[in-house]
Amino acid sequence: MKGFEVIFMAPRSRRHRGKPVLDSVAAIAKSHDIRRHTRRVDAEGTGASGHTHSAHFFELADEPEELMFVLDGEKADELMNAVEEEKLHVFCIRRTIEFWEFGH
């Protein structure tokens, strides 16, 4: 099947209405009947400002995270538009992919 990989990236410390911004993205996805995602915690990342985010012993909240979805074109557009409407401060990558689900 053809579709999109949509990855949102932000440090765990970034908040939107008091909760981590990627939790807000996940809630938006759920409200649009998008239930499947993968969350990854990264060791280190550098943002557009040049600030390095990483999980240190003293500051675990600054660890970079990714929230990844595999979606068809309609759902990818729907999710990205909803995140934009909410005015979340989050970086996003969208790339064309082919995907399969076996044994279902």
PDB file of N, CA and C in Angstrom:
ATOM      1  N   MET A   1       0.846  -1.173   0.000  1.00  0.00           N
ATOM      2  CA  MET A   1       0.000   0.000   0.000  1.00  0.00           C
ATOM      3  C   MET A   1       0.895   1.241   0.000  1.00  0.00           C
ATOM      4  N   LYS A   2       0.476   2.269  -0.662  1.00  0.00           N
ATOM      5  CA  LYS A   2       1.228   3.521  -0.677  1.00  0.00           C
ATOM      6  C   LYS A   2       0.635   4.468   0.362  1.00  0.00           C
ATOM      7  N   GLY A   3       1.507   5.240   0.974  1.00  0.00           N
ATOM      8  CA  GLY A   3       1.064   6.181   1.991  1.00  0.00           C
ATOM      9  C   GLY A   3       2.195   7.085   2.412  1.00  0.00           C
ATOM     10  N   PHE A   4       2.146   7.516   3.666  1.00  0.00           N
ATOM     11  CA  PHE A   4       3.128   8.453   4.192  1.00  0.00           C
ATOM     12  C   PHE A   4       3.588   8.035   5.574  1.00  0.00           C
ATOM     13  N   GLU A   5       4.860   8.264   5.828  1.00  0.00           N
ATOM     14  CA  GLU A   5       5.401   8.201   7.179  1.00  0.00           C
ATOM     15  C   GLU A   5       5.428   9.652   7.657  1.00  0.00           C
ATOM     16  N   VAL A   6       4.763   9.923   8.762  1.00  0.00           N
ATOM     17  CA  VAL A   6       4.704  11.270   9.321  1.00  0.00           C
ATOM     18  C   VAL A   6       5.355  11.202  10.695  1.00  0.00           C
ATOM     19  N   ILE A   7       6.433  11.960  10.876  1.00  0.00           N
ATOM     20  CA  ILE A   7       7.178  11.941  12.132  1.00  0.00           C
ATOM     21  C   ILE A   7       7.183  13.342  12.730  1.00  0.00           C
ATOM     22  N   PHE A   8       6.718  13.444  13.964  1.00  0.00           N
ATOM     23  CA  PHE A   8       6.767  14.690  14.716  1.00  0.00           C
ATOM     24  C   PHE A   8       7.923  14.580  15.701  1.00  0.00           C
ATOM     25  N   MET A   9       8.698  15.665  15.857  1.00  0.00           N
ATOM     26  CA  MET A   9       9.870  15.664  16.743  1.00  0.00           C
ATOM     27  C   MET A   9       9.838  16.874  17.658  1.00  0.00           C
ATOM     28  N   ALA A  10      10.159  16.632  18.936  1.00  0.00           N
ATOM     29  CA  ALA A  10      10.238  17.722  19.913  1.00  0.00           C
ATOM     30  C   ALA A  10      10.944  17.219  21.157  1.00  0.00           C
ATOM     31  N   PRO A  11      11.572  18.115  21.920  1.00  0.00           N
ATOM     32  CA  PRO A  11      12.125  17.694  23.195  1.00  0.00           C
ATOM     33  C   PRO A  11      10.987  17.440  24.185  1.00  0.00           C
ATOM     34  N   ARG A  12      11.186  16.507  25.081  1.00  0.00           N
ATOM     35  CA  ARG A  12      10.160  16.162  26.080  1.00  0.00           C
ATOM     36  C   ARG A  12       9.763  17.375  26.918  1.00  0.00           C
ATOM     37  N   SER A  13      10.663  18.334  27.065  1.00  0.00           N
ATOM     38  CA  SER A  13      10.397  19.518  27.886  1.00  0.00           C
ATOM     39  C   SER A  13       9.441  20.511  27.219  1.00  0.00           C
ATOM     40  N   ARG A  14       9.223  20.409  25.905  1.00  0.00           N
ATOM     41  CA  ARG A  14       8.336  21.353  25.216  1.00  0.00           C
ATOM     42  C   ARG A  14       6.885  21.046  25.578  1.00  0.00           C
ATOM     43  N   ARG A  15       6.168  22.056  26.000  1.00  0.00           N
ATOM     44  CA  ARG A  15       4.799  21.891  26.478  1.00  0.00           C
ATOM     45  C   ARG A  15       3.786  22.619  25.599  1.00  0.00           C
ATOM     46  N   HIS A  16       2.568  22.095  25.632  1.00  0.00           N
ATOM     47  CA  HIS A  16       1.410  22.737  25.004  1.00  0.00           C
ATOM     48  C   HIS A  16       0.252  22.541  25.973  1.00  0.00           C
ATOM     49  N   ARG A  17      -0.226  23.655  26.501  1.00  0.00           N
ATOM     50  CA  ARG A  17      -1.311  23.605  27.496  1.00  0.00           C
ATOM     51  C   ARG A  17      -0.970  22.680  28.669  1.00  0.00           C
ATOM     52  N   GLY A  18       0.282  22.758  29.108  1.00  0.00           N
ATOM     53  CA  GLY A  18       0.703  22.056  30.303  1.00  0.00           C
ATOM     54  C   GLY A  18       1.161  20.619  30.142  1.00  0.00           C
ATOM     55  N   LYS A  19       1.050  20.071  28.943  1.00  0.00           N
ATOM     56  CA  LYS A  19       1.517  18.692  28.757  1.00  0.00           C
ATOM     57  C   LYS A  19       2.519  18.628  27.613  1.00  0.00           C
ATOM     58  N   PRO A  20       3.338  17.565  27.580  1.00  0.00           N
ATOM     59  CA  PRO A  20       4.325  17.467  26.501  1.00  0.00           C
ATOM     60  C   PRO A  20       3.667  17.580  25.124  1.00  0.00           C
ATOM     61  N   VAL A  21       4.314  18.321  24.234  1.00  0.00           N
ATOM     62  CA  VAL A  21       3.732  18.616  22.929  1.00  0.00           C
ATOM     63  C   VAL A  21       3.422  17.335  22.139  1.00  0.00           C
ATOM     64  N   LEU A  22       4.261  16.307  22.247  1.00  0.00           N
ATOM     65  CA  LEU A  22       3.967  15.076  21.507  1.00  0.00           C
ATOM     66  C   LEU A  22       2.781  14.321  22.098  1.00  0.00           C
ATOM     67  N   ASP A  23       2.511  14.506  23.385  1.00  0.00           N
ATOM     68  CA  ASP A  23       1.277  13.953  23.964  1.00  0.00           C
ATOM     69  C   ASP A  23       0.066  14.642  23.337  1.00  0.00           C
ATOM     70  N   SER A  24       0.202  15.949  23.069  1.00  0.00           N
ATOM     71  CA  SER A  24      -0.880  16.689  22.400  1.00  0.00           C
ATOM     72  C   SER A  24      -1.094  16.187  20.981  1.00  0.00           C
ATOM     73  N   VAL A  25       0.003  15.907  20.268  1.00  0.00           N
ATOM     74  CA  VAL A  25      -0.113  15.355  18.907  1.00  0.00           C
ATOM     75  C   VAL A  25      -0.816  14.001  18.964  1.00  0.00           C
ATOM     76  N   ALA A  26      -0.428  13.145  19.915  1.00  0.00           N
ATOM     77  CA  ALA A  26      -1.054  11.824  20.048  1.00  0.00           C
ATOM     78  C   ALA A  26      -2.548  11.958  20.352  1.00  0.00           C
ATOM     79  N   ALA A  27      -2.921  12.925  21.191  1.00  0.00           N
ATOM     80  CA  ALA A  27      -4.337  13.146  21.510  1.00  0.00           C
ATOM     81  C   ALA A  27      -5.111  13.624  20.285  1.00  0.00           C
ATOM     82  N   ILE A  28      -4.505  14.497  19.494  1.00  0.00           N
ATOM     83  CA  ILE A  28      -5.141  14.961  18.256  1.00  0.00           C
ATOM     84  C   ILE A  28      -5.341  13.781  17.317  1.00  0.00           C
ATOM     85  N   ALA A  29      -4.318  12.952  17.179  1.00  0.00           N
ATOM     86  CA  ALA A  29      -4.421  11.769  16.306  1.00  0.00           C
ATOM     87  C   ALA A  29      -5.568  10.874  16.764  1.00  0.00           C
ATOM     88  N   LYS A  30      -5.630  10.609  18.046  1.00  0.00           N
ATOM     89  CA  LYS A  30      -6.694   9.751  18.588  1.00  0.00           C
ATOM     90  C   LYS A  30      -8.079  10.343  18.309  1.00  0.00           C
ATOM     91  N   SER A  31      -8.194  11.658  18.415  1.00  0.00           N
ATOM     92  CA  SER A  31      -9.490  12.307  18.152  1.00  0.00           C
ATOM     93  C   SER A  31      -9.891  12.207  16.677  1.00  0.00           C
ATOM     94  N   HIS A  32      -8.930  11.875  15.806  1.00  0.00           N
ATOM     95  CA  HIS A  32      -9.197  11.685  14.376  1.00  0.00           C
ATOM     96  C   HIS A  32      -9.166  10.203  13.999  1.00  0.00           C
ATOM     97  N   ASP A  33      -9.388   9.345  14.992  1.00  0.00           N
ATOM     98  CA  ASP A  33      -9.424   7.881  14.797  1.00  0.00           C
ATOM     99  C   ASP A  33      -8.118   7.322  14.239  1.00  0.00           C
ATOM    100  N   ILE A  34      -7.015   7.947  14.592  1.00  0.00           N
ATOM    101  CA  ILE A  34      -5.694   7.431  14.249  1.00  0.00           C
ATOM    102  C   ILE A  34      -5.145   6.832  15.540  1.00  0.00           C
ATOM    103  N   ARG A  35      -5.111   5.533  15.617  1.00  0.00           N
ATOM    104  CA  ARG A  35      -4.777   4.852  16.869  1.00  0.00           C
ATOM    105  C   ARG A  35      -3.350   4.303  16.894  1.00  0.00           C
ATOM    106  N   ARG A  36      -2.783   4.014  15.757  1.00  0.00           N
ATOM    107  CA  ARG A  36      -1.478   3.345  15.695  1.00  0.00           C
ATOM    108  C   ARG A  36      -0.363   4.372  15.527  1.00  0.00           C
ATOM    109  N   HIS A  37       0.618   4.307  16.419  1.00  0.00           N
ATOM    110  CA  HIS A  37       1.798   5.160  16.313  1.00  0.00           C
ATOM    111  C   HIS A  37       2.965   4.493  17.036  1.00  0.00           C
ATOM    112  N   THR A  38       4.141   5.019  16.802  1.00  0.00           N
ATOM    113  CA  THR A  38       5.349   4.570  17.496  1.00  0.00           C
ATOM    114  C   THR A  38       6.036   5.796  18.067  1.00  0.00           C
ATOM    115  N   ARG A  39       6.402   5.705  19.352  1.00  0.00           N
ATOM    116  CA  ARG A  39       7.128   6.800  20.002  1.00  0.00           C
ATOM    117  C   ARG A  39       8.541   6.319  20.295  1.00  0.00           C
ATOM    118  N   ARG A  40       9.498   7.142  19.896  1.00  0.00           N
ATOM    119  CA  ARG A  40      10.900   6.814  20.128  1.00  0.00           C
ATOM    120  C   ARG A  40      11.541   7.926  20.951  1.00  0.00           C
ATOM    121  N   VAL A  41      12.391   7.529  21.866  1.00  0.00           N
ATOM    122  CA  VAL A  41      13.191   8.481  22.630  1.00  0.00           C
ATOM    123  C   VAL A  41      14.598   8.420  22.063  1.00  0.00           C
ATOM    124  N   ASP A  42      15.136   9.573  21.722  1.00  0.00           N
ATOM    125  CA  ASP A  42      16.464   9.639  21.136  1.00  0.00           C
ATOM    126  C   ASP A  42      17.492  10.057  22.182  1.00  0.00           C
ATOM    127  N   ALA A  43      18.729   9.736  21.940  1.00  0.00           N
ATOM    128  CA  ALA A  43      19.805  10.077  22.865  1.00  0.00           C
ATOM    129  C   ALA A  43      20.139  11.563  22.819  1.00  0.00           C
ATOM    130  N   GLU A  44      20.085  12.142  21.609  1.00  0.00           N
ATOM    131  CA  GLU A  44      20.475  13.532  21.467  1.00  0.00           C
ATOM    132  C   GLU A  44      19.926  14.080  20.161  1.00  0.00           C
ATOM    133  N   GLY A  45      19.645  15.375  20.148  1.00  0.00           N
ATOM    134  CA  GLY A  45      19.207  16.054  18.942  1.00  0.00           C
ATOM    135  C   GLY A  45      19.532  17.531  19.044  1.00  0.00           C
ATOM    136  N   THR A  46      19.775  18.169  17.911  1.00  0.00           N
ATOM    137  CA  THR A  46      20.046  19.600  17.881  1.00  0.00           C
ATOM    138  C   THR A  46      18.954  20.272  17.068  1.00  0.00           C
ATOM    139  N   GLY A  47      18.320  21.281  17.656  1.00  0.00           N
ATOM    140  CA  GLY A  47      17.225  21.984  17.001  1.00  0.00           C
ATOM    141  C   GLY A  47      17.709  23.079  16.078  1.00  0.00           C
ATOM    142  N   ALA A  48      16.752  23.761  15.446  1.00  0.00           N
ATOM    143  CA  ALA A  48      17.065  24.822  14.487  1.00  0.00           C
ATOM    144  C   ALA A  48      17.858  25.958  15.124  1.00  0.00           C
ATOM    145  N   SER A  49      17.659  26.177  16.424  1.00  0.00           N
ATOM    146  CA  SER A  49      18.368  27.257  17.118  1.00  0.00           C
ATOM    147  C   SER A  49      19.817  26.903  17.424  1.00  0.00           C
ATOM    148  N   GLY A  50      20.171  25.619  17.219  1.00  0.00           N
ATOM    149  CA  GLY A  50      21.511  25.170  17.539  1.00  0.00           C
ATOM    150  C   GLY A  50      21.631  24.587  18.943  1.00  0.00           C
ATOM    151  N   HIS A  51      20.549  24.659  19.726  1.00  0.00           N
ATOM    152  CA  HIS A  51      20.547  24.102  21.086  1.00  0.00           C
ATOM    153  C   HIS A  51      20.490  22.581  21.010  1.00  0.00           C
ATOM    154  N   THR A  52      21.366  21.924  21.750  1.00  0.00           N
ATOM    155  CA  THR A  52      21.379  20.463  21.795  1.00  0.00           C
ATOM    156  C   THR A  52      20.483  19.986  22.918  1.00  0.00           C
ATOM    157  N   HIS A  53      19.590  19.074  22.585  1.00  0.00           N
ATOM    158  CA  HIS A  53      18.689  18.454  23.558  1.00  0.00           C
ATOM    159  C   HIS A  53      19.171  17.037  23.790  1.00  0.00           C
ATOM    160  N   SER A  54      19.274  16.642  25.038  1.00  0.00           N
ATOM    161  CA  SER A  54      19.679  15.276  25.348  1.00  0.00           C
ATOM    162  C   SER A  54      19.191  14.904  26.739  1.00  0.00           C
ATOM    163  N   ALA A  55      19.154  13.614  27.003  1.00  0.00           N
ATOM    164  CA  ALA A  55      18.747  13.108  28.308  1.00  0.00           C
ATOM    165  C   ALA A  55      19.986  13.007  29.184  1.00  0.00           C
ATOM    166  N   HIS A  56      20.115  13.920  30.108  1.00  0.00           N
ATOM    167  CA  HIS A  56      21.207  13.886  31.072  1.00  0.00           C
ATOM    168  C   HIS A  56      20.673  13.328  32.375  1.00  0.00           C
ATOM    169  N   PHE A  57      21.554  12.900  33.220  1.00  0.00           N
ATOM    170  CA  PHE A  57      21.169  12.386  34.528  1.00  0.00           C
ATOM    171  C   PHE A  57      20.327  13.405  35.293  1.00  0.00           C
ATOM    172  N   PHE A  58      20.680  14.685  35.187  1.00  0.00           N
ATOM    173  CA  PHE A  58      19.979  15.721  35.950  1.00  0.00           C
ATOM    174  C   PHE A  58      18.778  16.311  35.220  1.00  0.00           C
ATOM    175  N   GLU A  59      18.695  16.134  33.920  1.00  0.00           N
ATOM    176  CA  GLU A  59      17.634  16.783  33.143  1.00  0.00           C
ATOM    177  C   GLU A  59      17.045  15.820  32.127  1.00  0.00           C
ATOM    178  N   LEU A  60      16.300  14.840  32.603  1.00  0.00           N
ATOM    179  CA  LEU A  60      15.689  13.852  31.703  1.00  0.00           C
ATOM    180  C   LEU A  60      14.583  14.450  30.844  1.00  0.00           C
ATOM    181  N   ALA A  61      14.004  15.565  31.264  1.00  0.00           N
ATOM    182  CA  ALA A  61      12.880  16.153  30.536  1.00  0.00           C
ATOM    183  C   ALA A  61      13.288  16.745  29.194  1.00  0.00           C
ATOM    184  N   ASP A  62      14.581  16.954  28.966  1.00  0.00           N
ATOM    185  CA  ASP A  62      15.016  17.585  27.723  1.00  0.00           C
ATOM    186  C   ASP A  62      15.351  16.572  26.631  1.00  0.00           C
ATOM    187  N   GLU A  63      15.076  15.285  26.879  1.00  0.00           N
ATOM    188  CA  GLU A  63      15.411  14.281  25.874  1.00  0.00           C
ATOM    189  C   GLU A  63      14.562  14.460  24.621  1.00  0.00           C
ATOM    190  N   PRO A  64      15.180  14.320  23.448  1.00  0.00           N
ATOM    191  CA  PRO A  64      14.418  14.450  22.202  1.00  0.00           C
ATOM    192  C   PRO A  64      13.545  13.212  21.976  1.00  0.00           C
ATOM    193  N   GLU A  65      12.356  13.435  21.454  1.00  0.00           N
ATOM    194  CA  GLU A  65      11.424  12.342  21.170  1.00  0.00           C
ATOM    195  C   GLU A  65      10.881  12.465  19.754  1.00  0.00           C
ATOM    196  N   GLU A  66      10.451  11.323  19.220  1.00  0.00           N
ATOM    197  CA  GLU A  66       9.789  11.274  17.920  1.00  0.00           C
ATOM    198  C   GLU A  66       8.479  10.521  18.082  1.00  0.00           C
ATOM    199  N   LEU A  67       7.462  10.965  17.384  1.00  0.00           N
ATOM    200  CA  LEU A  67       6.173  10.289  17.340  1.00  0.00           C
ATOM    201  C   LEU A  67       5.880  10.024  15.868  1.00  0.00           C
ATOM    202  N   MET A  68       5.829   8.735  15.475  1.00  0.00           N
ATOM    203  CA  MET A  68       5.751   8.358  14.074  1.00  0.00           C
ATOM    204  C   MET A  68       4.431   7.666  13.757  1.00  0.00           C
ATOM    205  N   PHE A  69       3.858   8.054  12.631  1.00  0.00           N
ATOM    206  CA  PHE A  69       2.626   7.467  12.124  1.00  0.00           C
ATOM    207  C   PHE A  69       2.853   6.972  10.702  1.00  0.00           C
ATOM    208  N   VAL A  70       2.190   5.891  10.315  1.00  0.00           N
ATOM    209  CA  VAL A  70       2.140   5.429   8.929  1.00  0.00           C
ATOM    210  C   VAL A  70       0.679   5.551   8.515  1.00  0.00           C
ATOM    211  N   LEU A  71       0.424   6.412   7.522  1.00  0.00           N
ATOM    212  CA  LEU A  71      -0.957   6.787   7.184  1.00  0.00           C
ATOM    213  C   LEU A  71      -1.169   6.847   5.677  1.00  0.00           C
ATOM    214  N   ASP A  72      -2.431   6.680   5.263  1.00  0.00           N
ATOM    215  CA  ASP A  72      -2.752   6.946   3.865  1.00  0.00           C
ATOM    216  C   ASP A  72      -2.776   8.470   3.673  1.00  0.00           C
ATOM    217  N   GLY A  73      -2.863   8.906   2.443  1.00  0.00           N
ATOM    218  CA  GLY A  73      -2.776  10.331   2.134  1.00  0.00           C
ATOM    219  C   GLY A  73      -3.833  11.177   2.819  1.00  0.00           C
ATOM    220  N   GLU A  74      -5.069  10.711   2.854  1.00  0.00           N
ATOM    221  CA  GLU A  74      -6.161  11.469   3.459  1.00  0.00           C
ATOM    222  C   GLU A  74      -5.925  11.663   4.960  1.00  0.00           C
ATOM    223  N   LYS A  75      -5.556  10.592   5.659  1.00  0.00           N
ATOM    224  CA  LYS A  75      -5.329  10.676   7.104  1.00  0.00           C
ATOM    225  C   LYS A  75      -4.083  11.504   7.419  1.00  0.00           C
ATOM    226  N   ALA A  76      -3.052  11.403   6.582  1.00  0.00           N
ATOM    227  CA  ALA A  76      -1.845  12.212   6.791  1.00  0.00           C
ATOM    228  C   ALA A  76      -2.190  13.694   6.695  1.00  0.00           C
ATOM    229  N   ASP A  77      -2.944  14.082   5.677  1.00  0.00           N
ATOM    230  CA  ASP A  77      -3.370  15.480   5.525  1.00  0.00           C
ATOM    231  C   ASP A  77      -4.214  15.913   6.715  1.00  0.00           C
ATOM    232  N   GLU A  78      -5.147  15.060   7.115  1.00  0.00           N
ATOM    233  CA  GLU A  78      -6.047  15.372   8.229  1.00  0.00           C
ATOM    234  C   GLU A  78      -5.260  15.630   9.520  1.00  0.00           C
ATOM    235  N   LEU A  79      -4.300  14.764   9.813  1.00  0.00           N
ATOM    236  CA  LEU A  79      -3.511  14.918  11.036  1.00  0.00           C
ATOM    237  C   LEU A  79      -2.651  16.175  10.979  1.00  0.00           C
ATOM    238  N   MET A  80      -1.965  16.378   9.886  1.00  0.00           N
ATOM    239  CA  MET A  80      -1.089  17.545   9.783  1.00  0.00           C
ATOM    240  C   MET A  80      -1.884  18.853   9.841  1.00  0.00           C
ATOM    241  N   ASN A  81      -3.039  18.890   9.222  1.00  0.00           N
ATOM    242  CA  ASN A  81      -3.886  20.087   9.285  1.00  0.00           C
ATOM    243  C   ASN A  81      -4.378  20.341  10.706  1.00  0.00           C
ATOM    244  N   ALA A  82      -4.752  19.281  11.414  1.00  0.00           N
ATOM    245  CA  ALA A  82      -5.242  19.423  12.795  1.00  0.00           C
ATOM    246  C   ALA A  82      -4.134  19.921  13.720  1.00  0.00           C
ATOM    247  N   VAL A  83      -2.917  19.423  13.543  1.00  0.00           N
ATOM    248  CA  VAL A  83      -1.787  19.878  14.360  1.00  0.00           C
ATOM    249  C   VAL A  83      -1.492  21.345  14.057  1.00  0.00           C
ATOM    250  N   GLU A  84      -1.543  21.711  12.792  1.00  0.00           N
ATOM    251  CA  GLU A  84      -1.311  23.105  12.411  1.00  0.00           C
ATOM    252  C   GLU A  84      -2.387  24.022  12.996  1.00  0.00           C
ATOM    253  N   GLU A  85      -3.639  23.603  12.950  1.00  0.00           N
ATOM    254  CA  GLU A  85      -4.740  24.404  13.501  1.00  0.00           C
ATOM    255  C   GLU A  85      -4.581  24.627  15.002  1.00  0.00           C
ATOM    256  N   GLU A  86      -4.020  23.640  15.694  1.00  0.00           N
ATOM    257  CA  GLU A  86      -3.810  23.736  17.139  1.00  0.00           C
ATOM    258  C   GLU A  86      -2.609  24.627  17.473  1.00  0.00           C
ATOM    259  N   LYS A  87      -1.832  25.006  16.450  1.00  0.00           N
ATOM    260  CA  LYS A  87      -0.657  25.873  16.584  1.00  0.00           C
ATOM    261  C   LYS A  87       0.393  25.280  17.531  1.00  0.00           C
ATOM    262  N   LEU A  88       0.637  23.983  17.375  1.00  0.00           N
ATOM    263  CA  LEU A  88       1.661  23.319  18.166  1.00  0.00           C
ATOM    264  C   LEU A  88       3.044  23.686  17.636  1.00  0.00           C
ATOM    265  N   HIS A  89       3.995  23.898  18.533  1.00  0.00           N
ATOM    266  CA  HIS A  89       5.378  24.166  18.146  1.00  0.00           C
ATOM    267  C   HIS A  89       6.082  22.814  18.064  1.00  0.00           C
ATOM    268  N   VAL A  90       6.111  22.242  16.862  1.00  0.00           N
ATOM    269  CA  VAL A  90       6.654  20.899  16.668  1.00  0.00           C
ATOM    270  C   VAL A  90       7.216  20.791  15.252  1.00  0.00           C
ATOM    271  N   PHE A  91       8.316  20.075  15.107  1.00  0.00           N
ATOM    272  CA  PHE A  91       8.934  19.820  13.803  1.00  0.00           C
ATOM    273  C   PHE A  91       8.318  18.552  13.230  1.00  0.00           C
ATOM    274  N   CYS A  92       8.129  18.511  11.909  1.00  0.00           N
ATOM    275  CA  CYS A  92       7.463  17.363  11.284  1.00  0.00           C
ATOM    276  C   CYS A  92       8.145  16.994   9.968  1.00  0.00           C
ATOM    277  N   ILE A  93       8.250  15.704   9.740  1.00  0.00           N
ATOM    278  CA  ILE A  93       8.729  15.163   8.467  1.00  0.00           C
ATOM    279  C   ILE A  93       7.610  14.316   7.882  1.00  0.00           C
ATOM    280  N   ARG A  94       7.383  14.444   6.596  1.00  0.00           N
ATOM    281  CA  ARG A  94       6.402  13.607   5.900  1.00  0.00           C
ATOM    282  C   ARG A  94       7.075  13.073   4.651  1.00  0.00           C
ATOM    283  N   ARG A  95       7.124  11.750   4.531  1.00  0.00           N
ATOM    284  CA  ARG A  95       7.746  11.171   3.341  1.00  0.00           C
ATOM    285  C   ARG A  95       6.878  10.051   2.783  1.00  0.00           C
ATOM    286  N   THR A  96       6.922   9.930   1.473  1.00  0.00           N
ATOM    287  CA  THR A  96       6.158   8.913   0.763  1.00  0.00           C
ATOM    288  C   THR A  96       6.784   7.548   1.020  1.00  0.00           C
ATOM    289  N   ILE A  97       5.949   6.566   1.309  1.00  0.00           N
ATOM    290  CA  ILE A  97       6.424   5.210   1.573  1.00  0.00           C
ATOM    291  C   ILE A  97       5.465   4.183   0.966  1.00  0.00           C
ATOM    292  N   GLU A  98       5.921   2.948   0.928  1.00  0.00           N
ATOM    293  CA  GLU A  98       5.054   1.802   0.673  1.00  0.00           C
ATOM    294  C   GLU A  98       5.073   0.969   1.934  1.00  0.00           C
ATOM    295  N   PHE A  99       3.925   0.425   2.323  1.00  0.00           N
ATOM    296  CA  PHE A  99       3.876  -0.379   3.544  1.00  0.00           C
ATOM    297  C   PHE A  99       2.929  -1.551   3.370  1.00  0.00           C
ATOM    298  N   TRP A 100       3.171  -2.562   4.192  1.00  0.00           N
ATOM    299  CA  TRP A 100       2.381  -3.783   4.180  1.00  0.00           C
ATOM    300  C   TRP A 100       2.111  -4.193   5.613  1.00  0.00           C
ATOM    301  N   GLU A 101       1.051  -4.951   5.813  1.00  0.00           N
ATOM    302  CA  GLU A 101       0.782  -5.583   7.103  1.00  0.00           C
ATOM    303  C   GLU A 101       0.521  -7.055   6.812  1.00  0.00           C
ATOM    304  N   PHE A 102       1.374  -7.921   7.333  1.00  0.00           N
ATOM    305  CA  PHE A 102       1.295  -9.343   7.080  1.00  0.00           C
ATOM    306  C   PHE A 102       0.589 -10.070   8.226  1.00  0.00           C
ATOM    307  N   GLY A 103      -0.038 -11.195   7.913  1.00  0.00           N
ATOM    308  CA  GLY A 103      -0.621 -12.058   8.917  1.00  0.00           C
ATOM    309  C   GLY A 103      -1.820 -11.494   9.639  1.00  0.00           C
ATOM    310  N   HIS A 104      -2.465 -10.544   9.027  1.00  0.00           N
ATOM    311  CA  HIS A 104      -3.623  -9.906   9.685  1.00  0.00           C
ATOM    312  C   HIS A 104      -4.902 -10.531   9.181  1.00  0.00           C
TER     313      HIS A 104
END
